[in-house]
Amino acid sequence: MHHYVLNADKTVHRIDDLIEWANRFEMDNRFVAKSIVDTMKVSTVFLGLDYSFGDGPPILFETMVFGGRLDGRSRRCSTYAQAEQQHIEVLAKVREAQSSSSSARDDSGGAASGDTAEA
């Protein structure tokens, strides 16, 4: 498994020395985006390890949903730009799921909740 760091310009750099990678990875900001919709969280992060396992381009970013009907769903991709787009797409699905369940609660007298986002 190959090790990567995320550069300030949002490009990735492969590092073969494990100690150097660990030191850089520990200090780096790995969050691409984090959003909250009602009780659900969407997090997109730089993984630092190649999850392609040698099959195609390196898979270095992951978007995951925490909470709600989509809890545990995740998607992975190769580049920072793809990760940003992936976050937007997953966030739209989470909002859709939240809206569906809010509509069901609203029909039965419950209140719908808004969402907040951090980039």
Protein backbone atom coordinates (compact mmCIF):
# COMPACT_ATOMS: atom_id res chain seq x y z
CA MET A 1 0.00 0.00 0.00
CA HIS A 2 1.42 3.39 -0.99
CA HIS A 3 1.46 6.44 1.26
CA TYR A 4 0.54 9.97 0.16
CA VAL A 5 0.40 13.47 1.63
CA LEU A 6 -1.87 16.33 0.64
CA ASN A 7 0.04 19.44 -0.43
CA ALA A 8 -1.12 23.00 0.30
CA ASP A 9 -2.07 23.39 -3.39
CA LYS A 10 -4.46 20.39 -3.03
CA THR A 11 -2.26 18.06 -5.05
CA VAL A 12 -1.03 14.77 -3.63
CA HIS A 13 2.52 13.54 -3.31
CA ARG A 14 3.61 9.95 -2.83
CA ILE A 15 6.07 9.38 0.01
CA ASP A 16 7.92 6.08 0.27
CA ASP A 17 9.51 6.69 3.69
CA LEU A 18 6.99 5.62 6.35
CA ILE A 19 8.39 7.86 9.12
CA GLU A 20 8.39 10.93 6.87
CA TRP A 21 4.82 10.13 5.79
CA ALA A 22 3.64 9.65 9.39
CA ASN A 23 5.17 12.96 10.47
CA ARG A 24 3.61 14.88 7.57
CA PHE A 25 0.27 13.09 7.80
CA GLU A 26 -0.03 13.83 11.52
CA MET A 27 0.35 17.59 10.92
CA ASP A 28 -1.74 17.91 7.75
CA ASN A 29 -5.34 19.09 7.61
CA ARG A 30 -7.06 16.14 5.98
CA PHE A 31 -10.61 17.52 5.79
CA VAL A 32 -11.91 18.43 2.35
CA ALA A 33 -15.42 19.26 3.60
CA LYS A 34 -17.75 18.56 6.49
CA SER A 35 -21.50 19.22 6.50
CA ILE A 36 -24.36 18.61 8.90
CA VAL A 37 -27.95 18.04 7.86
CA ASP A 38 -30.27 17.62 10.84
CA THR A 39 -28.72 14.65 12.69
CA MET A 40 -26.69 13.42 9.71
CA LYS A 41 -23.07 14.34 9.05
CA VAL A 42 -21.22 14.16 5.73
CA SER A 43 -17.45 14.10 5.94
CA THR A 44 -14.97 14.11 3.07
CA VAL A 45 -11.36 13.45 3.98
CA PHE A 46 -7.97 12.73 2.49
CA LEU A 47 -7.07 9.15 3.47
CA GLY A 48 -3.31 9.26 2.93
CA LEU A 49 -3.24 5.64 1.80
CA ASP A 50 -4.01 4.25 -1.64
CA TYR A 51 -7.17 2.15 -1.37
CA SER A 52 -7.06 1.05 -5.01
CA PHE A 53 -4.75 -1.81 -3.98
CA GLY A 54 -2.87 -1.42 -7.25
CA ASP A 55 -5.98 -1.64 -9.42
CA GLY A 56 -6.18 1.66 -11.34
CA PRO A 57 -5.39 5.18 -10.15
CA PRO A 58 -4.77 5.72 -6.43
CA ILE A 59 -7.94 6.05 -4.36
CA LEU A 60 -7.06 8.69 -1.77
CA PHE A 61 -10.26 10.48 -0.68
CA GLU A 62 -13.43 9.27 1.01
CA THR A 63 -16.85 10.78 1.63
CA MET A 64 -18.86 9.09 4.38
CA VAL A 65 -22.30 9.62 5.91
CA PHE A 66 -22.81 9.36 9.67
CA GLY A 67 -26.32 9.02 11.07
CA GLY A 68 -29.75 8.81 9.50
CA ARG A 69 -30.98 6.40 6.85
CA LEU A 70 -27.73 6.65 4.87
CA ASP A 71 -25.46 5.95 7.85
CA GLY A 72 -22.24 4.23 6.83
CA ARG A 73 -22.58 4.90 3.11
CA SER A 74 -19.30 5.96 1.54
CA ARG A 75 -17.68 6.80 -1.76
CA ARG A 76 -14.02 7.07 -2.66
CA CYS A 77 -12.11 8.88 -5.40
CA SER A 78 -8.63 9.90 -6.57
CA THR A 79 -8.33 13.70 -6.64
CA TYR A 80 -9.19 16.70 -4.48
CA ALA A 81 -11.47 18.11 -7.19
CA GLN A 82 -13.30 14.78 -7.43
CA ALA A 83 -13.61 14.73 -3.63
CA GLU A 84 -15.19 18.20 -3.60
CA GLN A 85 -17.70 17.14 -6.27
CA GLN A 86 -18.34 13.83 -4.52
CA HIS A 87 -19.10 15.69 -1.26
CA ILE A 88 -21.65 17.88 -3.05
CA GLU A 89 -23.32 14.83 -4.61
CA VAL A 90 -23.47 12.84 -1.37
CA LEU A 91 -24.70 15.91 0.52
CA ALA A 92 -27.54 16.26 -2.02
CA LYS A 93 -28.53 12.62 -1.40
CA VAL A 94 -28.46 13.19 2.37
CA ARG A 95 -30.62 16.31 2.02
CA GLU A 96 -33.02 14.35 -0.16
CA ALA A 97 -33.21 11.56 2.43
CA GLN A 98 -33.66 14.12 5.22
CA SER A 99 -36.34 15.92 3.25
CA SER A 100 -38.20 12.65 2.65
CA SER A 101 -38.18 11.76 6.33
CA SER A 102 -38.99 15.37 7.34
CA SER A 103 -41.96 15.34 4.98
CA ALA A 104 -43.16 12.15 6.58
CA ARG A 105 -42.72 13.73 10.07
CA ASP A 106 -44.34 16.99 8.93
CA ASP A 107 -47.38 15.07 7.68
CA SER A 108 -47.71 13.57 11.14
CA GLY A 109 -47.22 16.84 13.00
CA GLY A 110 -43.41 16.87 13.43
CA ALA A 111 -41.14 19.80 12.62
CA ALA A 112 -38.58 19.82 9.82
CA SER A 113 -34.99 20.78 10.62
CA GLY A 114 -32.55 22.88 8.60
CA ASP A 115 -28.93 22.16 7.81
CA THR A 116 -25.58 23.75 8.30
CA ALA A 117 -22.32 23.26 6.43
CA GLU A 118 -18.63 23.86 7.03
CA ALA A 119 -16.02 23.69 4.30
